[in-house]
N, C-alpha and C. Protein backbone atom coordinates (compact mmCIF):
# COMPACT_ATOMS: atom_id res chain seq x y z
N UNK A 1 147.62 -13.62 -28.89
CA UNK A 1 147.11 -12.42 -29.53
C UNK A 1 148.03 -12.08 -30.69
N UNK A 2 147.52 -12.12 -31.88
CA UNK A 2 148.35 -11.86 -33.04
C UNK A 2 148.41 -10.37 -33.36
N UNK A 3 147.35 -9.84 -33.86
CA UNK A 3 147.32 -8.42 -34.22
C UNK A 3 145.94 -7.87 -33.99
N UNK A 4 145.87 -6.57 -33.90
CA UNK A 4 144.58 -5.89 -33.79
C UNK A 4 144.00 -5.71 -35.18
N UNK A 5 142.81 -5.15 -35.24
CA UNK A 5 142.16 -4.93 -36.52
C UNK A 5 143.03 -4.08 -37.44
N UNK A 6 142.86 -4.27 -38.74
CA UNK A 6 143.62 -3.49 -39.71
C UNK A 6 145.04 -4.00 -39.83
N UNK A 7 145.95 -3.07 -40.13
CA UNK A 7 147.33 -3.47 -40.35
C UNK A 7 148.25 -3.07 -39.21
N UNK A 8 147.72 -2.44 -38.18
CA UNK A 8 148.55 -1.99 -37.07
C UNK A 8 148.90 -3.15 -36.15
N UNK A 9 150.18 -3.25 -35.79
CA UNK A 9 150.63 -4.28 -34.86
C UNK A 9 150.17 -3.95 -33.45
N UNK A 10 149.98 -4.97 -32.64
CA UNK A 10 149.69 -4.74 -31.23
C UNK A 10 150.94 -4.18 -30.56
N UNK A 11 150.76 -3.54 -29.43
CA UNK A 11 151.89 -2.98 -28.68
C UNK A 11 152.90 -4.07 -28.35
N UNK A 12 152.42 -5.25 -28.05
CA UNK A 12 153.32 -6.36 -27.70
C UNK A 12 154.25 -6.70 -28.86
N UNK A 13 153.71 -6.79 -30.08
CA UNK A 13 154.54 -7.14 -31.23
C UNK A 13 155.41 -5.98 -31.68
N UNK A 14 154.93 -4.77 -31.50
CA UNK A 14 155.75 -3.59 -31.81
C UNK A 14 156.95 -3.56 -30.87
N UNK A 15 156.71 -3.74 -29.57
CA UNK A 15 157.79 -3.77 -28.59
C UNK A 15 158.79 -4.88 -28.95
N UNK A 16 158.27 -6.05 -29.28
CA UNK A 16 159.12 -7.21 -29.59
C UNK A 16 160.02 -6.92 -30.79
N UNK A 17 159.45 -6.38 -31.86
CA UNK A 17 160.23 -6.10 -33.07
C UNK A 17 161.28 -5.04 -32.80
N UNK A 18 160.91 -3.98 -32.09
CA UNK A 18 161.87 -2.92 -31.78
C UNK A 18 162.97 -3.43 -30.85
N UNK A 19 162.59 -4.21 -29.87
CA UNK A 19 163.57 -4.77 -28.94
C UNK A 19 164.63 -5.57 -29.70
N UNK A 20 164.19 -6.42 -30.59
CA UNK A 20 165.11 -7.25 -31.37
C UNK A 20 166.00 -6.37 -32.26
N UNK A 21 165.39 -5.38 -32.91
CA UNK A 21 166.14 -4.49 -33.80
C UNK A 21 167.21 -3.72 -33.02
N UNK A 22 166.85 -3.15 -31.86
CA UNK A 22 167.82 -2.38 -31.07
C UNK A 22 168.89 -3.29 -30.47
N UNK A 23 168.50 -4.48 -30.06
CA UNK A 23 169.47 -5.44 -29.51
C UNK A 23 170.52 -5.78 -30.56
N UNK A 24 170.07 -6.09 -31.76
CA UNK A 24 171.00 -6.44 -32.84
C UNK A 24 171.87 -5.26 -33.22
N UNK A 25 171.30 -4.05 -33.21
CA UNK A 25 172.08 -2.85 -33.55
C UNK A 25 173.23 -2.64 -32.56
N UNK A 26 173.03 -3.07 -31.31
CA UNK A 26 174.07 -2.97 -30.30
C UNK A 26 175.02 -4.16 -30.32
N UNK A 27 174.72 -5.14 -31.17
CA UNK A 27 175.57 -6.33 -31.27
C UNK A 27 175.44 -7.26 -30.08
N UNK A 28 174.28 -7.24 -29.43
CA UNK A 28 174.06 -8.08 -28.25
C UNK A 28 173.32 -9.36 -28.62
N UNK A 29 173.73 -10.46 -28.05
CA UNK A 29 172.98 -11.70 -28.17
C UNK A 29 171.82 -11.64 -27.17
N UNK A 30 170.85 -12.51 -27.34
CA UNK A 30 169.76 -12.60 -26.36
C UNK A 30 170.33 -12.94 -24.99
N UNK A 31 171.31 -13.81 -24.96
CA UNK A 31 171.92 -14.22 -23.70
C UNK A 31 172.60 -13.04 -23.00
N UNK A 32 173.34 -12.25 -23.77
CA UNK A 32 174.03 -11.09 -23.18
C UNK A 32 173.02 -10.05 -22.68
N UNK A 33 171.97 -9.79 -23.46
CA UNK A 33 170.94 -8.86 -23.03
C UNK A 33 170.28 -9.36 -21.75
N UNK A 34 170.01 -10.65 -21.68
CA UNK A 34 169.42 -11.23 -20.48
C UNK A 34 170.32 -11.02 -19.27
N UNK A 35 171.62 -11.23 -19.45
CA UNK A 35 172.58 -11.02 -18.36
C UNK A 35 172.56 -9.57 -17.88
N UNK A 36 172.59 -8.64 -18.82
CA UNK A 36 172.59 -7.21 -18.48
C UNK A 36 171.30 -6.85 -17.73
N UNK A 37 170.19 -7.44 -18.14
CA UNK A 37 168.89 -7.13 -17.54
C UNK A 37 168.62 -7.89 -16.24
N UNK A 38 169.36 -8.95 -16.00
CA UNK A 38 169.07 -9.79 -14.85
C UNK A 38 167.85 -10.67 -15.08
N UNK A 39 167.60 -10.99 -16.34
CA UNK A 39 166.47 -11.84 -16.72
C UNK A 39 166.99 -13.10 -17.39
N UNK A 40 166.15 -14.10 -17.55
CA UNK A 40 166.56 -15.35 -18.16
C UNK A 40 166.55 -15.22 -19.68
N UNK A 41 167.49 -15.89 -20.34
CA UNK A 41 167.58 -15.85 -21.80
C UNK A 41 166.30 -16.31 -22.47
N UNK A 42 165.67 -17.34 -21.96
CA UNK A 42 164.43 -17.82 -22.58
C UNK A 42 163.30 -16.80 -22.44
N UNK A 43 163.33 -16.01 -21.37
CA UNK A 43 162.34 -14.95 -21.20
C UNK A 43 162.55 -13.88 -22.28
N UNK A 44 163.81 -13.48 -22.49
CA UNK A 44 164.13 -12.48 -23.52
C UNK A 44 163.66 -12.99 -24.88
N UNK A 45 163.93 -14.23 -25.19
CA UNK A 45 163.50 -14.82 -26.47
C UNK A 45 162.00 -14.81 -26.63
N UNK A 46 161.28 -15.16 -25.58
CA UNK A 46 159.82 -15.20 -25.68
C UNK A 46 159.22 -13.80 -25.80
N UNK A 47 159.87 -12.80 -25.18
CA UNK A 47 159.42 -11.41 -25.34
C UNK A 47 159.64 -10.99 -26.79
N UNK A 48 160.80 -11.31 -27.36
CA UNK A 48 161.09 -10.94 -28.75
C UNK A 48 160.15 -11.61 -29.74
N UNK A 49 159.61 -12.75 -29.40
CA UNK A 49 158.65 -13.42 -30.29
C UNK A 49 157.22 -12.97 -30.03
N UNK A 50 157.03 -12.09 -29.06
CA UNK A 50 155.70 -11.59 -28.74
C UNK A 50 154.85 -12.59 -27.98
N UNK A 51 155.49 -13.56 -27.35
CA UNK A 51 154.76 -14.60 -26.62
C UNK A 51 154.42 -14.19 -25.18
N UNK A 52 155.08 -13.17 -24.67
CA UNK A 52 154.91 -12.74 -23.28
C UNK A 52 154.14 -11.44 -23.20
N UNK A 53 153.27 -11.36 -22.23
CA UNK A 53 152.62 -10.10 -21.88
C UNK A 53 153.52 -9.46 -20.83
N UNK A 54 154.51 -8.73 -21.31
CA UNK A 54 155.60 -8.22 -20.47
C UNK A 54 155.10 -7.11 -19.54
N UNK A 55 155.66 -7.08 -18.34
CA UNK A 55 155.30 -6.03 -17.38
C UNK A 55 156.01 -4.72 -17.73
N UNK A 56 155.45 -3.62 -17.28
CA UNK A 56 156.07 -2.32 -17.52
C UNK A 56 157.44 -2.25 -16.83
N UNK A 57 157.59 -2.92 -15.71
CA UNK A 57 158.88 -2.94 -15.01
C UNK A 57 159.95 -3.61 -15.87
N UNK A 58 159.63 -4.74 -16.48
CA UNK A 58 160.59 -5.43 -17.34
C UNK A 58 160.82 -4.67 -18.64
N UNK A 59 159.80 -3.97 -19.13
CA UNK A 59 159.99 -3.13 -20.30
C UNK A 59 161.04 -2.06 -20.00
N UNK A 60 160.96 -1.49 -18.82
CA UNK A 60 161.92 -0.45 -18.42
C UNK A 60 163.33 -1.02 -18.29
N UNK A 61 163.46 -2.17 -17.67
CA UNK A 61 164.77 -2.81 -17.51
C UNK A 61 165.40 -3.07 -18.88
N UNK A 62 164.61 -3.57 -19.81
CA UNK A 62 165.11 -3.86 -21.15
C UNK A 62 165.46 -2.57 -21.88
N UNK A 63 164.61 -1.57 -21.77
CA UNK A 63 164.88 -0.28 -22.42
C UNK A 63 166.19 0.32 -21.93
N UNK A 64 166.42 0.31 -20.64
CA UNK A 64 167.66 0.85 -20.07
C UNK A 64 168.86 0.07 -20.62
N UNK A 65 168.75 -1.25 -20.67
CA UNK A 65 169.86 -2.06 -21.18
C UNK A 65 170.14 -1.77 -22.65
N UNK A 66 169.09 -1.43 -23.40
CA UNK A 66 169.24 -1.13 -24.82
C UNK A 66 169.54 0.35 -25.08
N UNK A 67 169.64 1.11 -23.99
CA UNK A 67 169.92 2.56 -24.09
C UNK A 67 168.85 3.29 -24.90
N UNK A 68 167.62 2.89 -24.69
CA UNK A 68 166.46 3.47 -25.36
C UNK A 68 165.41 3.78 -24.32
N UNK A 69 164.38 4.51 -24.71
CA UNK A 69 163.25 4.76 -23.81
C UNK A 69 162.17 3.71 -24.08
N UNK A 70 161.33 3.49 -23.09
CA UNK A 70 160.20 2.59 -23.27
C UNK A 70 159.32 3.11 -24.40
N UNK A 71 159.14 4.42 -24.45
CA UNK A 71 158.33 5.04 -25.51
C UNK A 71 158.89 4.66 -26.89
N UNK A 72 160.19 4.76 -27.04
CA UNK A 72 160.82 4.44 -28.34
C UNK A 72 160.60 2.98 -28.71
N UNK A 73 160.63 2.09 -27.72
CA UNK A 73 160.41 0.67 -27.98
C UNK A 73 158.96 0.37 -28.37
N UNK A 74 158.06 1.28 -28.06
CA UNK A 74 156.64 1.09 -28.38
C UNK A 74 156.22 1.83 -29.65
N UNK A 75 157.13 2.59 -30.26
CA UNK A 75 156.80 3.33 -31.46
C UNK A 75 156.77 2.40 -32.66
N UNK A 76 155.70 2.46 -33.44
CA UNK A 76 155.63 1.62 -34.66
C UNK A 76 156.74 2.01 -35.63
N UNK A 77 157.28 1.03 -36.32
CA UNK A 77 158.30 1.27 -37.34
C UNK A 77 157.56 1.61 -38.62
N UNK A 78 157.51 2.88 -38.94
CA UNK A 78 156.76 3.35 -40.11
C UNK A 78 157.34 2.82 -41.42
N UNK A 79 158.62 2.46 -41.42
CA UNK A 79 159.25 1.97 -42.63
C UNK A 79 158.95 0.51 -42.92
N UNK A 80 158.33 -0.15 -41.98
CA UNK A 80 158.05 -1.58 -42.14
C UNK A 80 156.81 -1.80 -42.99
N UNK A 81 156.89 -2.70 -43.94
CA UNK A 81 155.73 -3.03 -44.76
C UNK A 81 154.91 -4.14 -44.13
N UNK A 82 155.46 -4.76 -43.09
CA UNK A 82 154.74 -5.83 -42.40
C UNK A 82 153.79 -5.21 -41.41
N UNK A 83 152.59 -5.80 -41.27
CA UNK A 83 151.60 -5.23 -40.39
C UNK A 83 151.42 -5.97 -39.22
C-alpha cells in the first residue's frame, strides 16, 4: 500500500516517517531502538520503510521508547512537501 488518494500519506507511512525522525532526534540507531523495545532490528527497519502493518501494541512500545505518544507518531508532518 503506497498512499491514499490525493497527497495525504497513509497512517502507516506517516507513522514510519515520524518514527524515523524521532529516533534520529534521540540519536538512536535502529538496533538500539529495537533493543529498547524488545523487538528485532529488521522489524524496526521494515516498520520505518512502511513495509509492515504494525499492531497497535507495537506502536505503543515504540512510542514509549521514543518518549512520544502514539497520537504524535500518527500526526502528519505539515512541513513536509512530500505526499
